Amino acid sequence: MFRIVLIFILVSLSAEAKINYPVAIEQNMVIFCMKNRKHPKLRNDDICKSYTYKALYRCQRVSRASYKLLKCIKKSLRI
């Protein structure tokens, strides 16, 4: 039983290590702008990009770790 749990933990850790965090962060920012393109405050593409980069800057000030940065971006890009 212990071996199965240990193997499961190692597989889950190796799966998380394969995530390319900078790409995932950029994708979340682009998807946010696509989803909210009809929002009155974010209709202009430049304004939306500016909004997402400000959120990224705030999150980078809080944490430098990639996983925490991605989590912060996902949390802050909600309307």
PDB file of N, CA and C in Angstrom:
ATOM      1  N   MET A   1       0.830  -1.192   0.000  1.00  0.00           N
ATOM      2  CA  MET A   1       0.000   0.000   0.000  1.00  0.00           C
ATOM      3  C   MET A   1       0.874   1.256   0.000  1.00  0.00           C
ATOM      4  N   PHE A   2       1.922   1.242   0.806  1.00  0.00           N
ATOM      5  CA  PHE A   2       2.820   2.388   0.890  1.00  0.00           C
ATOM      6  C   PHE A   2       3.486   2.658  -0.447  1.00  0.00           C
ATOM      7  N   ARG A   3       3.849   1.589  -1.177  1.00  0.00           N
ATOM      8  CA  ARG A   3       4.494   1.757  -2.476  1.00  0.00           C
ATOM      9  C   ARG A   3       3.549   2.420  -3.477  1.00  0.00           C
ATOM     10  N   ILE A   4       2.279   2.052  -3.443  1.00  0.00           N
ATOM     11  CA  ILE A   4       1.297   2.635  -4.366  1.00  0.00           C
ATOM     12  C   ILE A   4       1.145   4.127  -4.091  1.00  0.00           C
ATOM     13  N   VAL A   5       1.062   4.502  -2.826  1.00  0.00           N
ATOM     14  CA  VAL A   5       0.923   5.908  -2.461  1.00  0.00           C
ATOM     15  C   VAL A   5       2.180   6.676  -2.875  1.00  0.00           C
ATOM     16  N   LEU A   6       3.336   6.111  -2.647  1.00  0.00           N
ATOM     17  CA  LEU A   6       4.587   6.757  -3.020  1.00  0.00           C
ATOM     18  C   LEU A   6       4.684   6.942  -4.537  1.00  0.00           C
ATOM     19  N   ILE A   7       4.295   5.941  -5.290  1.00  0.00           N
ATOM     20  CA  ILE A   7       4.310   6.040  -6.757  1.00  0.00           C
ATOM     21  C   ILE A   7       3.328   7.108  -7.215  1.00  0.00           C
ATOM     22  N   PHE A   8       2.151   7.164  -6.612  1.00  0.00           N
ATOM     23  CA  PHE A   8       1.161   8.183  -6.977  1.00  0.00           C
ATOM     24  C   PHE A   8       1.703   9.581  -6.709  1.00  0.00           C
ATOM     25  N   ILE A   9       2.356   9.786  -5.591  1.00  0.00           N
ATOM     26  CA  ILE A   9       2.924  11.090  -5.258  1.00  0.00           C
ATOM     27  C   ILE A   9       4.014  11.471  -6.253  1.00  0.00           C
ATOM     28  N   LEU A  10       4.877  10.548  -6.596  1.00  0.00           N
ATOM     29  CA  LEU A  10       5.954  10.839  -7.549  1.00  0.00           C
ATOM     30  C   LEU A  10       5.410  11.157  -8.938  1.00  0.00           C
ATOM     31  N   VAL A  11       4.394  10.443  -9.364  1.00  0.00           N
ATOM     32  CA  VAL A  11       3.796  10.707 -10.680  1.00  0.00           C
ATOM     33  C   VAL A  11       3.120  12.070 -10.690  1.00  0.00           C
ATOM     34  N   SER A  12       2.408  12.408  -9.622  1.00  0.00           N
ATOM     35  CA  SER A  12       1.729  13.707  -9.578  1.00  0.00           C
ATOM     36  C   SER A  12       2.736  14.850  -9.532  1.00  0.00           C
ATOM     37  N   LEU A  13       3.849  14.663  -8.842  1.00  0.00           N
ATOM     38  CA  LEU A  13       4.877  15.706  -8.811  1.00  0.00           C
ATOM     39  C   LEU A  13       5.544  15.868 -10.169  1.00  0.00           C
ATOM     40  N   SER A  14       5.776  14.777 -10.857  1.00  0.00           N
ATOM     41  CA  SER A  14       6.403  14.876 -12.171  1.00  0.00           C
ATOM     42  C   SER A  14       5.452  15.494 -13.187  1.00  0.00           C
ATOM     43  N   ALA A  15       4.155  15.304 -13.031  1.00  0.00           N
ATOM     44  CA  ALA A  15       3.183  15.916 -13.937  1.00  0.00           C
ATOM     45  C   ALA A  15       3.147  17.428 -13.733  1.00  0.00           C
ATOM     46  N   GLU A  16       3.265  17.875 -12.488  1.00  0.00           N
ATOM     47  CA  GLU A  16       3.279  19.306 -12.216  1.00  0.00           C
ATOM     48  C   GLU A  16       4.554  19.961 -12.721  1.00  0.00           C
ATOM     49  N   ALA A  17       5.627  19.234 -12.737  1.00  0.00           N
ATOM     50  CA  ALA A  17       6.899  19.790 -13.178  1.00  0.00           C
ATOM     51  C   ALA A  17       6.922  20.049 -14.680  1.00  0.00           C
ATOM     52  N   LYS A  18       6.039  19.408 -15.433  1.00  0.00           N
ATOM     53  CA  LYS A  18       6.016  19.571 -16.880  1.00  0.00           C
ATOM     54  C   LYS A  18       5.276  20.827 -17.325  1.00  0.00           C
ATOM     55  N   ILE A  19       4.594  21.504 -16.427  1.00  0.00           N
ATOM     56  CA  ILE A  19       3.839  22.703 -16.788  1.00  0.00           C
ATOM     57  C   ILE A  19       4.820  23.821 -17.105  1.00  0.00           C
ATOM     58  N   ASN A  20       4.595  24.474 -18.232  1.00  0.00           N
ATOM     59  CA  ASN A  20       5.399  25.613 -18.620  1.00  0.00           C
ATOM     60  C   ASN A  20       4.675  26.858 -18.101  1.00  0.00           C
ATOM     61  N   TYR A  21       5.076  27.348 -16.936  1.00  0.00           N
ATOM     62  CA  TYR A  21       4.344  28.402 -16.253  1.00  0.00           C
ATOM     63  C   TYR A  21       4.284  29.722 -17.020  1.00  0.00           C
ATOM     64  N   PRO A  22       5.358  30.204 -17.628  1.00  0.00           N
ATOM     65  CA  PRO A  22       5.232  31.467 -18.374  1.00  0.00           C
ATOM     66  C   PRO A  22       4.202  31.384 -19.504  1.00  0.00           C
ATOM     67  N   VAL A  23       4.137  30.260 -20.175  1.00  0.00           N
ATOM     68  CA  VAL A  23       3.153  30.087 -21.251  1.00  0.00           C
ATOM     69  C   VAL A  23       1.746  30.038 -20.659  1.00  0.00           C
ATOM     70  N   ALA A  24       1.579  29.343 -19.553  1.00  0.00           N
ATOM     71  CA  ALA A  24       0.265  29.245 -18.915  1.00  0.00           C
ATOM     72  C   ALA A  24      -0.208  30.614 -18.431  1.00  0.00           C
ATOM     73  N   ILE A  25       0.698  31.421 -17.911  1.00  0.00           N
ATOM     74  CA  ILE A  25       0.345  32.767 -17.454  1.00  0.00           C
ATOM     75  C   ILE A  25      -0.097  33.619 -18.630  1.00  0.00           C
ATOM     76  N   GLU A  26       0.665  33.575 -19.710  1.00  0.00           N
ATOM     77  CA  GLU A  26       0.326  34.349 -20.916  1.00  0.00           C
ATOM     78  C   GLU A  26      -1.020  33.899 -21.490  1.00  0.00           C
ATOM     79  N   GLN A  27      -1.268  32.606 -21.498  1.00  0.00           N
ATOM     80  CA  GLN A  27      -2.534  32.086 -22.007  1.00  0.00           C
ATOM     81  C   GLN A  27      -3.712  32.567 -21.153  1.00  0.00           C
ATOM     82  N   ASN A  28      -3.543  32.580 -19.852  1.00  0.00           N
ATOM     83  CA  ASN A  28      -4.613  33.060 -18.976  1.00  0.00           C
ATOM     84  C   ASN A  28      -4.907  34.531 -19.227  1.00  0.00           C
ATOM     85  N   MET A  29      -3.876  35.308 -19.489  1.00  0.00           N
ATOM     86  CA  MET A  29      -4.071  36.731 -19.768  1.00  0.00           C
ATOM     87  C   MET A  29      -4.811  36.938 -21.089  1.00  0.00           C
ATOM     88  N   VAL A  30      -4.459  36.179 -22.109  1.00  0.00           N
ATOM     89  CA  VAL A  30      -5.114  36.297 -23.413  1.00  0.00           C
ATOM     90  C   VAL A  30      -6.562  35.826 -23.335  1.00  0.00           C
ATOM     91  N   ILE A  31      -6.791  34.720 -22.665  1.00  0.00           N
ATOM     92  CA  ILE A  31      -8.146  34.183 -22.532  1.00  0.00           C
ATOM     93  C   ILE A  31      -9.034  35.160 -21.756  1.00  0.00           C
ATOM     94  N   PHE A  32      -8.468  35.810 -20.746  1.00  0.00           N
ATOM     95  CA  PHE A  32      -9.229  36.809 -19.993  1.00  0.00           C
ATOM     96  C   PHE A  32      -9.713  37.920 -20.919  1.00  0.00           C
ATOM     97  N   CYS A  33      -8.838  38.408 -21.769  1.00  0.00           N
ATOM     98  CA  CYS A  33      -9.230  39.473 -22.700  1.00  0.00           C
ATOM     99  C   CYS A  33     -10.256  38.977 -23.717  1.00  0.00           C
ATOM    100  N   MET A  34     -10.133  37.743 -24.136  1.00  0.00           N
ATOM    101  CA  MET A  34     -11.093  37.198 -25.092  1.00  0.00           C
ATOM    102  C   MET A  34     -12.477  37.044 -24.448  1.00  0.00           C
ATOM    103  N   LYS A  35     -12.514  36.564 -23.223  1.00  0.00           N
ATOM    104  CA  LYS A  35     -13.789  36.354 -22.553  1.00  0.00           C
ATOM    105  C   LYS A  35     -14.488  37.669 -22.225  1.00  0.00           C
ATOM    106  N   ASN A  36     -13.718  38.690 -21.913  1.00  0.00           N
ATOM    107  CA  ASN A  36     -14.293  39.955 -21.464  1.00  0.00           C
ATOM    108  C   ASN A  36     -14.234  41.046 -22.527  1.00  0.00           C
ATOM    109  N   ARG A  37     -14.224  40.673 -23.786  1.00  0.00           N
ATOM    110  CA  ARG A  37     -14.109  41.669 -24.855  1.00  0.00           C
ATOM    111  C   ARG A  37     -15.341  42.557 -24.965  1.00  0.00           C
ATOM    112  N   LYS A  38     -16.472  42.116 -24.419  1.00  0.00           N
ATOM    113  CA  LYS A  38     -17.692  42.920 -24.475  1.00  0.00           C
ATOM    114  C   LYS A  38     -17.940  43.711 -23.190  1.00  0.00           C
ATOM    115  N   HIS A  39     -17.070  43.558 -22.225  1.00  0.00           N
ATOM    116  CA  HIS A  39     -17.204  44.307 -20.986  1.00  0.00           C
ATOM    117  C   HIS A  39     -16.930  45.782 -21.275  1.00  0.00           C
ATOM    118  N   PRO A  40     -17.751  46.693 -20.728  1.00  0.00           N
ATOM    119  CA  PRO A  40     -17.595  48.115 -21.053  1.00  0.00           C
ATOM    120  C   PRO A  40     -16.206  48.689 -20.748  1.00  0.00           C
ATOM    121  N   LYS A  41     -15.587  48.239 -19.683  1.00  0.00           N
ATOM    122  CA  LYS A  41     -14.276  48.770 -19.322  1.00  0.00           C
ATOM    123  C   LYS A  41     -13.139  48.168 -20.147  1.00  0.00           C
ATOM    124  N   LEU A  42     -13.372  47.014 -20.747  1.00  0.00           N
ATOM    125  CA  LEU A  42     -12.286  46.296 -21.415  1.00  0.00           C
ATOM    126  C   LEU A  42     -12.525  46.098 -22.912  1.00  0.00           C
ATOM    127  N   ARG A  43     -13.321  46.932 -23.529  1.00  0.00           N
ATOM    128  CA  ARG A  43     -13.612  46.756 -24.961  1.00  0.00           C
ATOM    129  C   ARG A  43     -12.387  46.967 -25.836  1.00  0.00           C
ATOM    130  N   ASN A  44     -11.574  47.933 -25.506  1.00  0.00           N
ATOM    131  CA  ASN A  44     -10.368  48.186 -26.283  1.00  0.00           C
ATOM    132  C   ASN A  44      -9.298  47.147 -25.911  1.00  0.00           C
ATOM    133  N   ASP A  45      -8.651  46.577 -26.915  1.00  0.00           N
ATOM    134  CA  ASP A  45      -7.653  45.526 -26.681  1.00  0.00           C
ATOM    135  C   ASP A  45      -6.458  46.049 -25.880  1.00  0.00           C
ATOM    136  N   ASP A  46      -6.045  47.278 -26.143  1.00  0.00           N
ATOM    137  CA  ASP A  46      -4.905  47.851 -25.417  1.00  0.00           C
ATOM    138  C   ASP A  46      -5.221  48.051 -23.940  1.00  0.00           C
ATOM    139  N   ILE A  47      -6.441  48.441 -23.646  1.00  0.00           N
ATOM    140  CA  ILE A  47      -6.847  48.631 -22.254  1.00  0.00           C
ATOM    141  C   ILE A  47      -6.864  47.291 -21.523  1.00  0.00           C
ATOM    142  N   CYS A  48      -7.348  46.261 -22.192  1.00  0.00           N
ATOM    143  CA  CYS A  48      -7.383  44.930 -21.572  1.00  0.00           C
ATOM    144  C   CYS A  48      -5.969  44.406 -21.315  1.00  0.00           C
ATOM    145  N   LYS A  49      -5.088  44.582 -22.291  1.00  0.00           N
ATOM    146  CA  LYS A  49      -3.697  44.150 -22.103  1.00  0.00           C
ATOM    147  C   LYS A  49      -3.047  44.898 -20.949  1.00  0.00           C
ATOM    148  N   SER A  50      -3.305  46.183 -20.866  1.00  0.00           N
ATOM    149  CA  SER A  50      -2.762  46.985 -19.778  1.00  0.00           C
ATOM    150  C   SER A  50      -3.278  46.485 -18.430  1.00  0.00           C
ATOM    151  N   TYR A  51      -4.560  46.177 -18.376  1.00  0.00           N
ATOM    152  CA  TYR A  51      -5.170  45.669 -17.145  1.00  0.00           C
ATOM    153  C   TYR A  51      -4.530  44.347 -16.717  1.00  0.00           C
ATOM    154  N   THR A  52      -4.331  43.441 -17.680  1.00  0.00           N
ATOM    155  CA  THR A  52      -3.754  42.143 -17.339  1.00  0.00           C
ATOM    156  C   THR A  52      -2.294  42.268 -16.921  1.00  0.00           C
ATOM    157  N   TYR A  53      -1.539  43.165 -17.569  1.00  0.00           N
ATOM    158  CA  TYR A  53      -0.135  43.339 -17.183  1.00  0.00           C
ATOM    159  C   TYR A  53      -0.003  44.011 -15.824  1.00  0.00           C
ATOM    160  N   LYS A  54      -0.948  44.865 -15.469  1.00  0.00           N
ATOM    161  CA  LYS A  54      -0.940  45.437 -14.120  1.00  0.00           C
ATOM    162  C   LYS A  54      -1.197  44.347 -13.082  1.00  0.00           C
ATOM    163  N   ALA A  55      -2.117  43.440 -13.398  1.00  0.00           N
ATOM    164  CA  ALA A  55      -2.388  42.315 -12.497  1.00  0.00           C
ATOM    165  C   ALA A  55      -1.150  41.429 -12.367  1.00  0.00           C
ATOM    166  N   LEU A  56      -0.463  41.202 -13.489  1.00  0.00           N
ATOM    167  CA  LEU A  56       0.769  40.406 -13.462  1.00  0.00           C
ATOM    168  C   LEU A  56       1.830  41.081 -12.605  1.00  0.00           C
ATOM    169  N   TYR A  57       1.962  42.388 -12.752  1.00  0.00           N
ATOM    170  CA  TYR A  57       2.950  43.130 -11.955  1.00  0.00           C
ATOM    171  C   TYR A  57       2.638  43.024 -10.461  1.00  0.00           C
ATOM    172  N   ARG A  58       1.346  43.175 -10.109  1.00  0.00           N
ATOM    173  CA  ARG A  58       0.969  43.054  -8.696  1.00  0.00           C
ATOM    174  C   ARG A  58       1.283  41.656  -8.161  1.00  0.00           C
ATOM    175  N   CYS A  59       1.013  40.649  -8.965  1.00  0.00           N
ATOM    176  CA  CYS A  59       1.278  39.277  -8.528  1.00  0.00           C
ATOM    177  C   CYS A  59       2.777  38.998  -8.429  1.00  0.00           C
ATOM    178  N   GLN A  60       3.572  39.581  -9.319  1.00  0.00           N
ATOM    179  CA  GLN A  60       5.023  39.386  -9.257  1.00  0.00           C
ATOM    180  C   GLN A  60       5.611  40.027  -8.014  1.00  0.00           C
ATOM    181  N   ARG A  61       5.005  41.100  -7.551  1.00  0.00           N
ATOM    182  CA  ARG A  61       5.482  41.734  -6.323  1.00  0.00           C
ATOM    183  C   ARG A  61       5.197  40.866  -5.116  1.00  0.00           C
ATOM    184  N   VAL A  62       4.128  40.065  -5.175  1.00  0.00           N
ATOM    185  CA  VAL A  62       3.739  39.210  -4.057  1.00  0.00           C
ATOM    186  C   VAL A  62       4.588  37.947  -4.015  1.00  0.00           C
ATOM    187  N   SER A  63       4.780  37.313  -5.168  1.00  0.00           N
ATOM    188  CA  SER A  63       5.474  36.030  -5.190  1.00  0.00           C
ATOM    189  C   SER A  63       6.295  35.877  -6.459  1.00  0.00           C
ATOM    190  N   ARG A  64       7.447  35.273  -6.323  1.00  0.00           N
ATOM    191  CA  ARG A  64       8.301  34.978  -7.473  1.00  0.00           C
ATOM    192  C   ARG A  64       8.164  33.523  -7.919  1.00  0.00           C
ATOM    193  N   ALA A  65       7.577  32.680  -7.079  1.00  0.00           N
ATOM    194  CA  ALA A  65       7.417  31.268  -7.430  1.00  0.00           C
ATOM    195  C   ALA A  65       6.408  31.129  -8.563  1.00  0.00           C
ATOM    196  N   SER A  66       6.715  30.296  -9.532  1.00  0.00           N
ATOM    197  CA  SER A  66       5.880  30.172 -10.728  1.00  0.00           C
ATOM    198  C   SER A  66       4.478  29.674 -10.411  1.00  0.00           C
ATOM    199  N   TYR A  67       4.369  28.671  -9.571  1.00  0.00           N
ATOM    200  CA  TYR A  67       3.058  28.118  -9.250  1.00  0.00           C
ATOM    201  C   TYR A  67       2.198  29.160  -8.541  1.00  0.00           C
ATOM    202  N   LYS A  68       2.770  29.854  -7.574  1.00  0.00           N
ATOM    203  CA  LYS A  68       2.018  30.866  -6.843  1.00  0.00           C
ATOM    204  C   LYS A  68       1.673  32.053  -7.741  1.00  0.00           C
ATOM    205  N   LEU A  69       2.551  32.381  -8.650  1.00  0.00           N
ATOM    206  CA  LEU A  69       2.290  33.469  -9.592  1.00  0.00           C
ATOM    207  C   LEU A  69       1.113  33.122 -10.498  1.00  0.00           C
ATOM    208  N   LEU A  70       1.081  31.906 -11.012  1.00  0.00           N
ATOM    209  CA  LEU A  70      -0.024  31.461 -11.859  1.00  0.00           C
ATOM    210  C   LEU A  70      -1.332  31.470 -11.080  1.00  0.00           C
ATOM    211  N   LYS A  71      -1.293  31.008  -9.856  1.00  0.00           N
ATOM    212  CA  LYS A  71      -2.483  30.987  -9.020  1.00  0.00           C
ATOM    213  C   LYS A  71      -2.983  32.408  -8.738  1.00  0.00           C
ATOM    214  N   CYS A  72      -2.070  33.327  -8.492  1.00  0.00           N
ATOM    215  CA  CYS A  72      -2.428  34.722  -8.243  1.00  0.00           C
ATOM    216  C   CYS A  72      -3.048  35.356  -9.485  1.00  0.00           C
ATOM    217  N   ILE A  73      -2.481  35.074 -10.661  1.00  0.00           N
ATOM    218  CA  ILE A  73      -3.027  35.621 -11.908  1.00  0.00           C
ATOM    219  C   ILE A  73      -4.438  35.117 -12.128  1.00  0.00           C
ATOM    220  N   LYS A  74      -4.656  33.834 -11.937  1.00  0.00           N
ATOM    221  CA  LYS A  74      -5.997  33.271 -12.114  1.00  0.00           C
ATOM    222  C   LYS A  74      -6.992  33.910 -11.156  1.00  0.00           C
ATOM    223  N   LYS A  75      -6.545  34.179  -9.946  1.00  0.00           N
ATOM    224  CA  LYS A  75      -7.425  34.764  -8.952  1.00  0.00           C
ATOM    225  C   LYS A  75      -7.712  36.233  -9.240  1.00  0.00           C
ATOM    226  N   SER A  76      -6.725  36.971  -9.692  1.00  0.00           N
ATOM    227  CA  SER A  76      -6.909  38.413  -9.877  1.00  0.00           C
ATOM    228  C   SER A  76      -7.591  38.768 -11.198  1.00  0.00           C
ATOM    229  N   LEU A  77      -7.566  37.873 -12.179  1.00  0.00           N
ATOM    230  CA  LEU A  77      -8.213  38.162 -13.456  1.00  0.00           C
ATOM    231  C   LEU A  77      -9.639  37.623 -13.476  1.00  0.00           C
ATOM    232  N   ARG A  78     -10.452  38.150 -12.621  1.00  0.00           N
ATOM    233  CA  ARG A  78     -11.866  37.788 -12.572  1.00  0.00           C
ATOM    234  C   ARG A  78     -12.686  39.074 -12.518  1.00  0.00           C
ATOM    235  N   ILE A  79     -13.764  39.065 -13.238  1.00  0.00           N
ATOM    236  CA  ILE A  79     -14.681  40.216 -13.184  1.00  0.00           C
ATOM    237  C   ILE A  79     -16.062  39.684 -12.846  1.00  0.00           C
TER     238      ILE A  79
END
